[in-house]
Structure formats: structure tokens, C-alpha cells
Amino acid sequence: MQADDAAILDQAEAWRREGRGVAVATVIETWGSAPRPPGSRVVIDADGHFLGSVSGGCVEGEVVSAAADVIASGVPCLLSFGVADETAWRVGLSCGGRISVHVERVD
């Protein structure tokens, strides 16, 4: 689900106030065609609830999964997704581009 930055950051703050573990993932770089531009964000809680978007499809699922590890460990990570045009539809990055996403815990 896409949302503006203010709504995403407000949700992160609200979830933290509720005592939930929270991570924010941000698109930091794109190459070629990409579904979301650099700066796009998603906030994720420890139960896998999220608001915002960094891509869609399988990529979003991988980011939510990585966020659970980041929330548990406190260690940020950098995820890179690149898809050759001939396999793009199969794995969910239909644009055929590449993206890098930084995931960090919100403390």
C-alpha cells in the first residue's frame, strides 16, 4: 500500500508508542525501470503489518521478511534486487530494473 512520508513516519511513531518492534525500509538507489523512486519507504512492525511501498510483489515480501530479522537483531541491512527482463514477471519485479533497499530498526 502506498502512503506519503508523513503517514509512514506517523505510523512508525504510533507503533513504537504501542511497544511494537518497528523497521523502516527505504529505496536508496534504482537502475533502469523501477516501480518506486529513491526515497520511497515502507514501515513494518514485528508482526509483519506494513504501510507504504518500496516495490511490490515478491520484493515487498522479501523486505517485510528482512525487516523481521532487523527488528530482532538491531542490525540494519541492504537488500538488492535485480531481474533480467526474461525472468522479471516470474519473480515479481515486472519492470526489469534493479533496486537497493536499506532496512533499519526504529528505536
N, C-alpha and C. Protein backbone atom coordinates (compact mmCIF):
# COMPACT_ATOMS: atom_id res chain seq x y z
N MET A 1 0.84 -1.18 0.00
CA MET A 1 0.00 0.00 0.00
C MET A 1 0.88 1.24 0.00
N GLN A 2 0.60 2.15 -0.90
CA GLN A 2 1.38 3.38 -0.97
C GLN A 2 0.81 4.40 0.02
N ALA A 3 1.68 5.16 0.62
CA ALA A 3 1.29 6.22 1.54
C ALA A 3 2.36 7.30 1.47
N ASP A 4 2.02 8.51 1.90
CA ASP A 4 3.02 9.57 1.86
C ASP A 4 3.97 9.44 3.05
N ASP A 5 5.11 10.13 2.96
CA ASP A 5 6.14 10.03 4.00
C ASP A 5 5.62 10.37 5.39
N ALA A 6 4.80 11.41 5.49
CA ALA A 6 4.29 11.81 6.79
C ALA A 6 3.46 10.69 7.42
N ALA A 7 2.60 10.05 6.63
CA ALA A 7 1.77 8.96 7.15
C ALA A 7 2.63 7.77 7.58
N ILE A 8 3.66 7.47 6.80
CA ILE A 8 4.55 6.36 7.12
C ILE A 8 5.29 6.61 8.42
N LEU A 9 5.85 7.80 8.56
CA LEU A 9 6.60 8.13 9.78
C LEU A 9 5.68 8.25 10.99
N ASP A 10 4.47 8.77 10.78
CA ASP A 10 3.49 8.82 11.87
C ASP A 10 3.14 7.41 12.34
N GLN A 11 2.98 6.49 11.39
CA GLN A 11 2.64 5.11 11.76
C GLN A 11 3.79 4.46 12.51
N ALA A 12 5.02 4.70 12.07
CA ALA A 12 6.19 4.16 12.79
C ALA A 12 6.19 4.65 14.23
N GLU A 13 5.94 5.93 14.43
CA GLU A 13 5.93 6.50 15.77
C GLU A 13 4.79 5.91 16.61
N ALA A 14 3.62 5.76 16.00
CA ALA A 14 2.47 5.20 16.73
C ALA A 14 2.75 3.76 17.16
N TRP A 15 3.30 2.96 16.25
CA TRP A 15 3.61 1.57 16.60
C TRP A 15 4.66 1.50 17.69
N ARG A 16 5.65 2.35 17.67
CA ARG A 16 6.68 2.37 18.72
C ARG A 16 6.06 2.73 20.07
N ARG A 17 5.17 3.72 20.07
CA ARG A 17 4.48 4.10 21.32
C ARG A 17 3.67 2.94 21.89
N GLU A 18 3.17 2.07 21.00
CA GLU A 18 2.41 0.89 21.44
C GLU A 18 3.34 -0.24 21.92
N GLY A 19 4.64 -0.03 21.79
CA GLY A 19 5.60 -1.04 22.22
C GLY A 19 5.95 -2.08 21.18
N ARG A 20 5.56 -1.85 19.95
CA ARG A 20 5.87 -2.79 18.87
C ARG A 20 7.30 -2.59 18.38
N GLY A 21 7.92 -3.67 17.90
CA GLY A 21 9.16 -3.56 17.17
C GLY A 21 8.85 -3.01 15.79
N VAL A 22 9.69 -2.08 15.32
CA VAL A 22 9.40 -1.39 14.06
C VAL A 22 10.68 -1.23 13.24
N ALA A 23 10.54 -1.38 11.93
CA ALA A 23 11.63 -1.10 11.00
C ALA A 23 11.10 -0.22 9.87
N VAL A 24 12.01 0.54 9.28
CA VAL A 24 11.69 1.34 8.10
C VAL A 24 12.61 0.89 6.98
N ALA A 25 12.03 0.64 5.82
CA ALA A 25 12.80 0.29 4.63
C ALA A 25 12.68 1.44 3.63
N THR A 26 13.81 1.81 3.03
CA THR A 26 13.86 2.95 2.11
C THR A 26 14.58 2.55 0.84
N VAL A 27 13.98 2.86 -0.30
CA VAL A 27 14.67 2.68 -1.58
C VAL A 27 15.78 3.71 -1.64
N ILE A 28 17.03 3.23 -1.75
CA ILE A 28 18.15 4.18 -1.78
C ILE A 28 18.75 4.36 -3.17
N GLU A 29 18.47 3.41 -4.06
CA GLU A 29 19.04 3.54 -5.41
C GLU A 29 18.23 2.68 -6.36
N THR A 30 18.07 3.17 -7.59
CA THR A 30 17.42 2.39 -8.64
C THR A 30 18.27 2.46 -9.91
N TRP A 31 18.12 1.46 -10.75
CA TRP A 31 18.76 1.43 -12.06
C TRP A 31 17.71 0.98 -13.06
N GLY A 32 17.68 1.63 -14.20
CA GLY A 32 16.71 1.25 -15.21
C GLY A 32 15.30 1.55 -14.73
N SER A 33 14.38 0.74 -15.19
CA SER A 33 13.00 0.91 -14.82
C SER A 33 12.76 0.30 -13.44
N ALA A 34 12.16 1.07 -12.53
CA ALA A 34 11.88 0.59 -11.18
C ALA A 34 10.48 1.05 -10.80
N PRO A 35 9.76 0.23 -10.04
CA PRO A 35 8.38 0.57 -9.70
C PRO A 35 8.22 1.76 -8.76
N ARG A 36 9.21 2.04 -7.93
CA ARG A 36 9.14 3.15 -6.98
C ARG A 36 10.46 3.90 -7.00
N PRO A 37 10.45 5.21 -6.86
CA PRO A 37 11.67 6.01 -6.93
C PRO A 37 12.48 5.97 -5.63
N PRO A 38 13.75 6.37 -5.70
CA PRO A 38 14.54 6.50 -4.48
C PRO A 38 13.80 7.40 -3.47
N GLY A 39 13.91 7.03 -2.20
CA GLY A 39 13.22 7.76 -1.15
C GLY A 39 11.90 7.13 -0.75
N SER A 40 11.38 6.21 -1.57
CA SER A 40 10.13 5.53 -1.23
C SER A 40 10.36 4.69 0.01
N ARG A 41 9.34 4.65 0.88
CA ARG A 41 9.50 3.96 2.16
C ARG A 41 8.34 3.04 2.47
N VAL A 42 8.64 2.08 3.34
CA VAL A 42 7.61 1.25 3.95
C VAL A 42 8.00 1.07 5.41
N VAL A 43 7.02 1.15 6.32
CA VAL A 43 7.24 0.88 7.73
C VAL A 43 6.62 -0.48 8.01
N ILE A 44 7.34 -1.29 8.79
CA ILE A 44 6.93 -2.66 9.07
C ILE A 44 7.01 -2.90 10.57
N ASP A 45 6.01 -3.57 11.14
CA ASP A 45 6.11 -3.94 12.56
C ASP A 45 6.55 -5.40 12.67
N ALA A 46 6.82 -5.82 13.90
CA ALA A 46 7.35 -7.17 14.13
C ALA A 46 6.37 -8.27 13.74
N ASP A 47 5.09 -7.95 13.63
CA ASP A 47 4.09 -8.94 13.22
C ASP A 47 3.87 -8.97 11.72
N GLY A 48 4.62 -8.15 10.98
CA GLY A 48 4.51 -8.15 9.52
C GLY A 48 3.48 -7.18 8.96
N HIS A 49 2.85 -6.36 9.80
CA HIS A 49 1.97 -5.32 9.30
C HIS A 49 2.83 -4.23 8.67
N PHE A 50 2.35 -3.65 7.59
CA PHE A 50 3.16 -2.60 6.96
C PHE A 50 2.30 -1.53 6.31
N LEU A 51 2.93 -0.39 6.10
CA LEU A 51 2.31 0.74 5.42
C LEU A 51 3.36 1.36 4.53
N GLY A 52 3.00 1.63 3.29
CA GLY A 52 3.91 2.20 2.32
C GLY A 52 4.30 1.17 1.29
N SER A 53 5.26 1.52 0.44
CA SER A 53 5.69 0.60 -0.61
C SER A 53 7.08 0.95 -1.11
N VAL A 54 7.89 -0.08 -1.32
CA VAL A 54 9.20 0.11 -1.94
C VAL A 54 9.27 -0.56 -3.30
N SER A 55 8.30 -1.41 -3.62
CA SER A 55 8.30 -2.06 -4.91
C SER A 55 6.97 -2.72 -5.20
N GLY A 56 6.72 -3.83 -4.60
CA GLY A 56 5.52 -4.61 -4.86
C GLY A 56 5.88 -6.07 -5.05
N GLY A 57 4.88 -6.91 -5.11
CA GLY A 57 5.08 -8.33 -5.38
C GLY A 57 6.05 -9.01 -4.43
N CYS A 58 6.87 -9.87 -5.00
CA CYS A 58 7.81 -10.67 -4.21
C CYS A 58 8.85 -9.80 -3.51
N VAL A 59 9.22 -8.69 -4.09
CA VAL A 59 10.21 -7.80 -3.48
C VAL A 59 9.68 -7.29 -2.14
N GLU A 60 8.43 -6.84 -2.12
CA GLU A 60 7.85 -6.33 -0.88
C GLU A 60 7.84 -7.43 0.18
N GLY A 61 7.52 -8.65 -0.20
CA GLY A 61 7.54 -9.77 0.74
C GLY A 61 8.92 -10.02 1.31
N GLU A 62 9.94 -9.93 0.48
CA GLU A 62 11.32 -10.11 0.94
C GLU A 62 11.72 -9.00 1.91
N VAL A 63 11.28 -7.78 1.64
CA VAL A 63 11.60 -6.65 2.51
C VAL A 63 10.93 -6.83 3.87
N VAL A 64 9.68 -7.25 3.89
CA VAL A 64 8.97 -7.49 5.15
C VAL A 64 9.66 -8.60 5.94
N SER A 65 10.09 -9.65 5.26
CA SER A 65 10.80 -10.75 5.92
C SER A 65 12.13 -10.27 6.50
N ALA A 66 12.88 -9.51 5.74
CA ALA A 66 14.17 -8.98 6.22
C ALA A 66 13.95 -8.04 7.40
N ALA A 67 12.86 -7.28 7.38
CA ALA A 67 12.58 -6.35 8.47
C ALA A 67 12.40 -7.09 9.79
N ALA A 68 11.81 -8.28 9.76
CA ALA A 68 11.66 -9.07 10.99
C ALA A 68 13.02 -9.38 11.60
N ASP A 69 13.99 -9.74 10.77
CA ASP A 69 15.35 -10.02 11.24
C ASP A 69 16.01 -8.75 11.79
N VAL A 70 15.81 -7.65 11.10
CA VAL A 70 16.40 -6.37 11.52
C VAL A 70 15.80 -5.92 12.86
N ILE A 71 14.50 -6.08 13.02
CA ILE A 71 13.84 -5.72 14.28
C ILE A 71 14.41 -6.57 15.41
N ALA A 72 14.57 -7.87 15.17
CA ALA A 72 15.07 -8.77 16.21
C ALA A 72 16.53 -8.50 16.57
N SER A 73 17.36 -8.23 15.57
CA SER A 73 18.80 -8.11 15.81
C SER A 73 19.28 -6.68 16.03
N GLY A 74 18.56 -5.72 15.48
CA GLY A 74 19.00 -4.33 15.54
C GLY A 74 20.06 -4.00 14.50
N VAL A 75 20.43 -4.97 13.68
CA VAL A 75 21.46 -4.76 12.66
C VAL A 75 20.79 -4.41 11.33
N PRO A 76 21.05 -3.19 10.82
CA PRO A 76 20.45 -2.81 9.54
C PRO A 76 21.00 -3.67 8.40
N CYS A 77 20.28 -3.67 7.28
CA CYS A 77 20.76 -4.43 6.13
C CYS A 77 20.46 -3.68 4.84
N LEU A 78 21.18 -4.06 3.82
CA LEU A 78 21.00 -3.51 2.48
C LEU A 78 20.58 -4.66 1.58
N LEU A 79 19.42 -4.53 0.96
CA LEU A 79 18.91 -5.55 0.05
C LEU A 79 19.01 -5.04 -1.37
N SER A 80 19.41 -5.90 -2.28
CA SER A 80 19.47 -5.53 -3.70
C SER A 80 18.66 -6.52 -4.49
N PHE A 81 17.85 -5.99 -5.39
CA PHE A 81 17.01 -6.82 -6.25
C PHE A 81 17.25 -6.41 -7.68
N GLY A 82 17.61 -7.36 -8.52
CA GLY A 82 17.80 -7.11 -9.94
C GLY A 82 17.24 -8.28 -10.71
N VAL A 83 16.56 -7.97 -11.78
CA VAL A 83 15.88 -9.02 -12.52
C VAL A 83 16.13 -8.85 -14.00
N ALA A 84 16.57 -9.91 -14.63
CA ALA A 84 16.71 -9.90 -16.09
C ALA A 84 15.32 -9.82 -16.71
N ASP A 85 15.21 -9.15 -17.83
CA ASP A 85 13.90 -8.97 -18.46
C ASP A 85 13.15 -10.28 -18.67
N GLU A 86 13.84 -11.34 -19.05
CA GLU A 86 13.16 -12.60 -19.34
C GLU A 86 12.61 -13.30 -18.10
N THR A 87 13.10 -12.94 -16.91
CA THR A 87 12.58 -13.56 -15.69
C THR A 87 11.78 -12.59 -14.84
N ALA A 88 11.63 -11.37 -15.29
CA ALA A 88 11.02 -10.33 -14.47
C ALA A 88 9.62 -10.69 -13.99
N TRP A 89 8.79 -11.17 -14.88
CA TRP A 89 7.41 -11.47 -14.49
C TRP A 89 7.33 -12.62 -13.49
N ARG A 90 8.21 -13.59 -13.62
CA ARG A 90 8.17 -14.78 -12.76
C ARG A 90 8.44 -14.44 -11.30
N VAL A 91 9.35 -13.52 -11.02
CA VAL A 91 9.71 -13.24 -9.64
C VAL A 91 9.09 -11.98 -9.07
N GLY A 92 8.31 -11.25 -9.86
CA GLY A 92 7.56 -10.14 -9.30
C GLY A 92 8.13 -8.75 -9.52
N LEU A 93 9.28 -8.60 -10.17
CA LEU A 93 9.81 -7.28 -10.48
C LEU A 93 9.62 -7.07 -11.99
N SER A 94 8.37 -6.85 -12.36
CA SER A 94 8.00 -6.86 -13.77
C SER A 94 8.63 -5.76 -14.61
N CYS A 95 9.19 -4.75 -13.96
CA CYS A 95 9.79 -3.65 -14.72
C CYS A 95 11.15 -4.03 -15.31
N GLY A 96 11.78 -5.08 -14.77
CA GLY A 96 13.08 -5.49 -15.28
C GLY A 96 14.24 -4.67 -14.74
N GLY A 97 13.98 -3.70 -13.88
CA GLY A 97 15.03 -2.85 -13.33
C GLY A 97 15.70 -3.46 -12.11
N ARG A 98 16.47 -2.64 -11.42
CA ARG A 98 17.14 -3.07 -10.19
C ARG A 98 16.92 -2.00 -9.14
N ILE A 99 16.81 -2.45 -7.87
CA ILE A 99 16.66 -1.52 -6.77
C ILE A 99 17.50 -1.97 -5.58
N SER A 100 17.90 -0.99 -4.76
CA SER A 100 18.56 -1.26 -3.48
C SER A 100 17.70 -0.65 -2.39
N VAL A 101 17.49 -1.44 -1.32
CA VAL A 101 16.61 -1.02 -0.23
C VAL A 101 17.37 -1.16 1.08
N HIS A 102 17.43 -0.08 1.86
CA HIS A 102 18.06 -0.10 3.18
C HIS A 102 16.97 -0.33 4.23
N VAL A 103 17.19 -1.28 5.13
CA VAL A 103 16.23 -1.61 6.18
C VAL A 103 16.89 -1.36 7.53
N GLU A 104 16.23 -0.57 8.39
CA GLU A 104 16.78 -0.26 9.71
C GLU A 104 15.69 -0.28 10.76
N ARG A 105 16.08 -0.68 11.96
CA ARG A 105 15.14 -0.70 13.08
C ARG A 105 14.92 0.72 13.58
N VAL A 106 13.70 1.00 14.01
CA VAL A 106 13.37 2.28 14.62
C VAL A 106 13.40 2.08 16.12
N ASP A 107 14.27 2.80 16.79
CA ASP A 107 14.39 2.69 18.25
C ASP A 107 13.82 3.90 18.94
